[in-house]
PDB file of N, CA and C in Angstrom:
ATOM      1  N   ASP A   1      -6.976  10.413  10.720  1.00  0.00           N
ATOM      2  CA  ASP A   1      -6.473  11.218  11.808  1.00  0.00           C
ATOM      3  C   ASP A   1      -7.586  12.159  12.265  1.00  0.00           C
ATOM      4  N   PRO A   2      -7.984  12.081  13.506  1.00  0.00           N
ATOM      5  CA  PRO A   2      -9.065  12.941  13.976  1.00  0.00           C
ATOM      6  C   PRO A   2      -8.743  14.435  13.878  1.00  0.00           C
ATOM      7  N   ASN A   3      -7.478  14.778  13.959  1.00  0.00           N
ATOM      8  CA  ASN A   3      -7.091  16.193  13.905  1.00  0.00           C
ATOM      9  C   ASN A   3      -7.137  16.767  12.496  1.00  0.00           C
ATOM     10  N   THR A   4      -6.737  15.970  11.513  1.00  0.00           N
ATOM     11  CA  THR A   4      -6.657  16.473  10.139  1.00  0.00           C
ATOM     12  C   THR A   4      -7.717  15.895   9.218  1.00  0.00           C
ATOM     13  N   GLY A   5      -8.336  14.794   9.625  1.00  0.00           N
ATOM     14  CA  GLY A   5      -9.315  14.136   8.773  1.00  0.00           C
ATOM     15  C   GLY A   5      -8.688  13.230   7.729  1.00  0.00           C
ATOM     16  N   ALA A   6      -7.364  13.101   7.733  1.00  0.00           N
ATOM     17  CA  ALA A   6      -6.668  12.248   6.767  1.00  0.00           C
ATOM     18  C   ALA A   6      -6.860  10.777   7.140  1.00  0.00           C
ATOM     19  N   ALA A   7      -7.010   9.935   6.125  1.00  0.00           N
ATOM     20  CA  ALA A   7      -7.155   8.498   6.354  1.00  0.00           C
ATOM     21  C   ALA A   7      -5.805   7.900   6.731  1.00  0.00           C
ATOM     22  N   PHE A   8      -5.831   6.903   7.601  1.00  0.00           N
ATOM     23  CA  PHE A   8      -4.598   6.230   7.975  1.00  0.00           C
ATOM     24  C   PHE A   8      -4.922   4.825   8.448  1.00  0.00           C
ATOM     25  N   TYR A   9      -3.913   3.988   8.501  1.00  0.00           N
ATOM     26  CA  TYR A   9      -4.042   2.626   8.998  1.00  0.00           C
ATOM     27  C   TYR A   9      -2.942   2.391  10.010  1.00  0.00           C
ATOM     28  N   LYS A  10      -3.267   1.708  11.080  1.00  0.00           N
ATOM     29  CA  LYS A  10      -2.238   1.297  12.028  1.00  0.00           C
ATOM     30  C   LYS A  10      -1.674  -0.029  11.536  1.00  0.00           C
ATOM     31  N   ALA A  11      -0.369  -0.154  11.577  1.00  0.00           N
ATOM     32  CA  ALA A  11       0.264  -1.391  11.129  1.00  0.00           C
ATOM     33  C   ALA A  11       1.527  -1.633  11.934  1.00  0.00           C
ATOM     34  N   ARG A  12       1.895  -2.873  12.046  1.00  0.00           N
ATOM     35  CA  ARG A  12       3.153  -3.222  12.687  1.00  0.00           C
ATOM     36  C   ARG A  12       4.112  -3.622  11.567  1.00  0.00           C
ATOM     37  N   VAL A  13       5.223  -2.919  11.489  1.00  0.00           N
ATOM     38  CA  VAL A  13       6.198  -3.149  10.423  1.00  0.00           C
ATOM     39  C   VAL A  13       7.497  -3.629  11.045  1.00  0.00           C
ATOM     40  N   VAL A  14       8.059  -4.673  10.479  1.00  0.00           N
ATOM     41  CA  VAL A  14       9.340  -5.190  10.938  1.00  0.00           C
ATOM     42  C   VAL A  14      10.358  -4.957   9.835  1.00  0.00           C
ATOM     43  N   VAL A  15      11.460  -4.304  10.199  1.00  0.00           N
ATOM     44  CA  VAL A  15      12.522  -4.026   9.234  1.00  0.00           C
ATOM     45  C   VAL A  15      13.606  -5.083   9.409  1.00  0.00           C
ATOM     46  N   ASP A  16      13.996  -5.702   8.307  1.00  0.00           N
ATOM     47  CA  ASP A  16      15.053  -6.703   8.319  1.00  0.00           C
ATOM     48  C   ASP A  16      16.345  -6.084   8.860  1.00  0.00           C
ATOM     49  N   LYS A  17      17.045  -6.806   9.738  1.00  0.00           N
ATOM     50  CA  LYS A  17      18.268  -6.277  10.360  1.00  0.00           C
ATOM     51  C   LYS A  17      19.323  -5.897   9.326  1.00  0.00           C
ATOM     52  N   ASP A  18      19.458  -6.693   8.274  1.00  0.00           N
ATOM     53  CA  ASP A  18      20.447  -6.388   7.234  1.00  0.00           C
ATOM     54  C   ASP A  18      20.080  -5.106   6.491  1.00  0.00           C
ATOM     55  N   GLU A  19      18.791  -4.916   6.229  1.00  0.00           N
ATOM     56  CA  GLU A  19      18.344  -3.695   5.546  1.00  0.00           C
ATOM     57  C   GLU A  19      18.549  -2.478   6.435  1.00  0.00           C
ATOM     58  N   LEU A  20      18.296  -2.633   7.718  1.00  0.00           N
ATOM     59  CA  LEU A  20      18.497  -1.539   8.666  1.00  0.00           C
ATOM     60  C   LEU A  20      19.975  -1.168   8.740  1.00  0.00           C
ATOM     61  N   ALA A  21      20.846  -2.165   8.745  1.00  0.00           N
ATOM     62  CA  ALA A  21      22.288  -1.910   8.777  1.00  0.00           C
ATOM     63  C   ALA A  21      22.747  -1.220   7.501  1.00  0.00           C
ATOM     64  N   ALA A  22      22.102  -1.533   6.380  1.00  0.00           N
ATOM     65  CA  ALA A  22      22.479  -0.927   5.101  1.00  0.00           C
ATOM     66  C   ALA A  22      22.148   0.562   5.058  1.00  0.00           C
ATOM     67  N   LEU A  23      21.238   1.024   5.916  1.00  0.00           N
ATOM     68  CA  LEU A  23      20.898   2.448   5.945  1.00  0.00           C
ATOM     69  C   LEU A  23      22.049   3.300   6.465  1.00  0.00           C
ATOM     70  N   GLY A  24      22.900   2.713   7.264  1.00  0.00           N
ATOM     71  CA  GLY A  24      24.020   3.460   7.823  1.00  0.00           C
ATOM     72  C   GLY A  24      23.681   3.981   9.206  1.00  0.00           C
ATOM     73  N   LYS A  25      24.687   4.529   9.865  1.00  0.00           N
ATOM     74  CA  LYS A  25      24.512   4.991  11.244  1.00  0.00           C
ATOM     75  C   LYS A  25      23.889   6.373  11.321  1.00  0.00           C
ATOM     76  N   ASP A  26      23.798   7.082  10.198  1.00  0.00           N
ATOM     77  CA  ASP A  26      23.205   8.421  10.200  1.00  0.00           C
ATOM     78  C   ASP A  26      21.685   8.369  10.259  1.00  0.00           C
ATOM     79  N   ILE A  27      21.105   7.232   9.929  1.00  0.00           N
ATOM     80  CA  ILE A  27      19.654   7.071   9.926  1.00  0.00           C
ATOM     81  C   ILE A  27      19.231   6.444  11.245  1.00  0.00           C
ATOM     82  N   GLU A  28      18.311   7.098  11.931  1.00  0.00           N
ATOM     83  CA  GLU A  28      17.838   6.580  13.208  1.00  0.00           C
ATOM     84  C   GLU A  28      16.352   6.258  13.108  1.00  0.00           C
ATOM     85  N   MET A  29      16.003   5.048  13.493  1.00  0.00           N
ATOM     86  CA  MET A  29      14.599   4.644  13.503  1.00  0.00           C
ATOM     87  C   MET A  29      14.209   4.357  14.941  1.00  0.00           C
ATOM     88  N   TYR A  30      12.972   4.724  15.295  1.00  0.00           N
ATOM     89  CA  TYR A  30      12.500   4.488  16.647  1.00  0.00           C
ATOM     90  C   TYR A  30      11.014   4.138  16.613  1.00  0.00           C
ATOM     91  N   PRO A  31      10.518   3.435  17.632  1.00  0.00           N
ATOM     92  CA  PRO A  31       9.106   3.042  17.659  1.00  0.00           C
ATOM     93  C   PRO A  31       8.180   4.255  17.637  1.00  0.00           C
ATOM     94  N   GLY A  32       7.115   4.142  16.861  1.00  0.00           N
ATOM     95  CA  GLY A  32       6.115   5.197  16.807  1.00  0.00           C
ATOM     96  C   GLY A  32       6.372   6.280  15.784  1.00  0.00           C
ATOM     97  N   MET A  33       7.522   6.221  15.115  1.00  0.00           N
ATOM     98  CA  MET A  33       7.802   7.267  14.128  1.00  0.00           C
ATOM     99  C   MET A  33       6.938   7.063  12.890  1.00  0.00           C
ATOM    100  N   PRO A  34       6.520   8.159  12.240  1.00  0.00           N
ATOM    101  CA  PRO A  34       5.722   8.015  11.019  1.00  0.00           C
ATOM    102  C   PRO A  34       6.554   7.392   9.900  1.00  0.00           C
ATOM    103  N   ALA A  35       5.892   6.644   9.053  1.00  0.00           N
ATOM    104  CA  ALA A  35       6.597   5.997   7.947  1.00  0.00           C
ATOM    105  C   ALA A  35       5.656   5.841   6.761  1.00  0.00           C
ATOM    106  N   ASP A  36       6.215   5.824   5.579  1.00  0.00           N
ATOM    107  CA  ASP A  36       5.484   5.473   4.367  1.00  0.00           C
ATOM    108  C   ASP A  36       5.866   4.041   4.033  1.00  0.00           C
ATOM    109  N   VAL A  37       4.882   3.177   3.939  1.00  0.00           N
ATOM    110  CA  VAL A  37       5.133   1.761   3.696  1.00  0.00           C
ATOM    111  C   VAL A  37       4.392   1.345   2.436  1.00  0.00           C
ATOM    112  N   LEU A  38       5.086   0.670   1.541  1.00  0.00           N
ATOM    113  CA  LEU A  38       4.467   0.136   0.328  1.00  0.00           C
ATOM    114  C   LEU A  38       4.135  -1.330   0.573  1.00  0.00           C
ATOM    115  N   ILE A  39       2.885  -1.679   0.366  1.00  0.00           N
ATOM    116  CA  ILE A  39       2.444  -3.058   0.555  1.00  0.00           C
ATOM    117  C   ILE A  39       2.210  -3.662  -0.824  1.00  0.00           C
ATOM    118  N   VAL A  40       3.014  -4.632  -1.167  1.00  0.00           N
ATOM    119  CA  VAL A  40       2.920  -5.267  -2.475  1.00  0.00           C
ATOM    120  C   VAL A  40       1.847  -6.345  -2.405  1.00  0.00           C
ATOM    121  N   THR A  41       0.811  -6.189  -3.220  1.00  0.00           N
ATOM    122  CA  THR A  41      -0.288  -7.156  -3.212  1.00  0.00           C
ATOM    123  C   THR A  41      -0.318  -8.005  -4.472  1.00  0.00           C
ATOM    124  N   GLY A  42       0.515  -7.700  -5.405  1.00  0.00           N
ATOM    125  CA  GLY A  42       0.547  -8.444  -6.659  1.00  0.00           C
ATOM    126  C   GLY A  42       0.921  -7.515  -7.795  1.00  0.00           C
ATOM    127  N   GLU A  43       1.170  -8.085  -8.930  1.00  0.00           N
ATOM    128  CA  GLU A  43       1.560  -7.283 -10.085  1.00  0.00           C
ATOM    129  C   GLU A  43       0.405  -7.174 -11.061  1.00  0.00           C
ATOM    130  N   ARG A  44       0.255  -5.983 -11.651  1.00  0.00           N
ATOM    131  CA  ARG A  44      -0.752  -5.757 -12.684  1.00  0.00           C
ATOM    132  C   ARG A  44      -0.093  -4.990 -13.815  1.00  0.00           C
ATOM    133  N   THR A  45      -0.523  -5.272 -15.001  1.00  0.00           N
ATOM    134  CA  THR A  45       0.012  -4.562 -16.158  1.00  0.00           C
ATOM    135  C   THR A  45      -0.757  -3.261 -16.362  1.00  0.00           C
ATOM    136  N   LEU A  46      -0.193  -2.372 -17.153  1.00  0.00           N
ATOM    137  CA  LEU A  46      -0.852  -1.116 -17.484  1.00  0.00           C
ATOM    138  C   LEU A  46      -2.186  -1.385 -18.176  1.00  0.00           C
ATOM    139  N   VAL A  47      -2.203  -2.367 -19.063  1.00  0.00           N
ATOM    140  CA  VAL A  47      -3.427  -2.709 -19.789  1.00  0.00           C
ATOM    141  C   VAL A  47      -4.509  -3.171 -18.811  1.00  0.00           C
ATOM    142  N   SER A  48      -4.133  -3.930 -17.793  1.00  0.00           N
ATOM    143  CA  SER A  48      -5.131  -4.398 -16.828  1.00  0.00           C
ATOM    144  C   SER A  48      -5.718  -3.229 -16.044  1.00  0.00           C
ATOM    145  N   TYR A  49      -4.915  -2.223 -15.718  1.00  0.00           N
ATOM    146  CA  TYR A  49      -5.438  -1.023 -15.054  1.00  0.00           C
ATOM    147  C   TYR A  49      -6.392  -0.268 -15.973  1.00  0.00           C
ATOM    148  N   MET A  50      -6.027  -0.161 -17.239  1.00  0.00           N
ATOM    149  CA  MET A  50      -6.831   0.615 -18.181  1.00  0.00           C
ATOM    150  C   MET A  50      -8.185  -0.039 -18.463  1.00  0.00           C
ATOM    151  N   PHE A  51      -8.205  -1.367 -18.549  1.00  0.00           N
ATOM    152  CA  PHE A  51      -9.435  -2.055 -18.918  1.00  0.00           C
ATOM    153  C   PHE A  51     -10.258  -2.535 -17.727  1.00  0.00           C
ATOM    154  N   ALA A  52      -9.787  -2.345 -16.515  1.00  0.00           N
ATOM    155  CA  ALA A  52     -10.531  -2.795 -15.333  1.00  0.00           C
ATOM    156  C   ALA A  52     -11.930  -2.191 -15.256  1.00  0.00           C
ATOM    157  N   PRO A  53     -12.122  -0.881 -15.458  1.00  0.00           N
ATOM    158  CA  PRO A  53     -13.487  -0.334 -15.399  1.00  0.00           C
ATOM    159  C   PRO A  53     -14.415  -0.928 -16.459  1.00  0.00           C
ATOM    160  N   ILE A  54     -13.894  -1.160 -17.650  1.00  0.00           N
ATOM    161  CA  ILE A  54     -14.706  -1.743 -18.724  1.00  0.00           C
ATOM    162  C   ILE A  54     -15.075  -3.180 -18.375  1.00  0.00           C
ATOM    163  N   ARG A  55     -14.110  -3.936 -17.897  1.00  0.00           N
ATOM    164  CA  ARG A  55     -14.344  -5.329 -17.517  1.00  0.00           C
ATOM    165  C   ARG A  55     -15.382  -5.410 -16.391  1.00  0.00           C
ATOM    166  N   GLU A  56     -15.287  -4.515 -15.412  1.00  0.00           N
ATOM    167  CA  GLU A  56     -16.244  -4.522 -14.305  1.00  0.00           C
ATOM    168  C   GLU A  56     -17.647  -4.156 -14.770  1.00  0.00           C
ATOM    169  N   SER A  57     -17.763  -3.210 -15.692  1.00  0.00           N
ATOM    170  CA  SER A  57     -19.096  -2.827 -16.171  1.00  0.00           C
ATOM    171  C   SER A  57     -19.738  -3.972 -16.954  1.00  0.00           C
ATOM    172  N   PHE A  58     -18.970  -4.699 -17.761  1.00  0.00           N
ATOM    173  CA  PHE A  58     -19.505  -5.864 -18.466  1.00  0.00           C
ATOM    174  C   PHE A  58     -19.916  -6.947 -17.474  1.00  0.00           C
ATOM    175  N   SER A  59     -19.119  -7.140 -16.453  1.00  0.00           N
ATOM    176  CA  SER A  59     -19.425  -8.159 -15.455  1.00  0.00           C
ATOM    177  C   SER A  59     -20.743  -7.859 -14.753  1.00  0.00           C
ATOM    178  N   LYS A  60     -20.984  -6.598 -14.444  1.00  0.00           N
ATOM    179  CA  LYS A  60     -22.215  -6.205 -13.754  1.00  0.00           C
ATOM    180  C   LYS A  60     -23.418  -6.179 -14.692  1.00  0.00           C
ATOM    181  N   SER A  61     -23.199  -5.929 -15.961  1.00  0.00           N
ATOM    182  CA  SER A  61     -24.324  -5.774 -16.886  1.00  0.00           C
ATOM    183  C   SER A  61     -25.038  -7.087 -17.200  1.00  0.00           C
ATOM    184  N   PHE A  62     -24.393  -8.208 -17.061  1.00  0.00           N
ATOM    185  CA  PHE A  62     -25.007  -9.488 -17.403  1.00  0.00           C
ATOM    186  C   PHE A  62     -25.535 -10.256 -16.196  1.00  0.00           C
ATOM    187  N   ARG A  63     -25.701  -9.584 -15.078  1.00  0.00           N
ATOM    188  CA  ARG A  63     -26.246 -10.241 -13.888  1.00  0.00           C
ATOM    189  C   ARG A  63     -27.764 -10.171 -13.891  1.00  0.00           C
ATOM    190  N   GLU A  64     -28.376 -11.199 -13.345  1.00  0.00           N
ATOM    191  CA  GLU A  64     -29.830 -11.192 -13.172  1.00  0.00           C
ATOM    192  C   GLU A  64     -30.131 -10.868 -11.722  1.00  0.00           C
ATOM    193  N   HIS A  65     -31.203 -10.109 -11.515  1.00  0.00           N
ATOM    194  CA  HIS A  65     -31.576  -9.745 -10.140  1.00  0.00           C
ATOM    195  C   HIS A  65     -32.836 -10.439  -9.745  1.00  0.00           C
TER     196      HIS A  65
END
């Protein structure tokens, strides 16, 4: 955001009609409103998060230049 310096991404999000109906009539959604969206890219275990830096350092250490 040029005003705040916060990072952001523009995205087009489509909400399933059934999910929108489940929100009830008290919730109003309109184009352009800010939203928090979770993008699922895959599953990782806690152990994989913990050992990722170690695995990456080993991977880089055995390269030839």
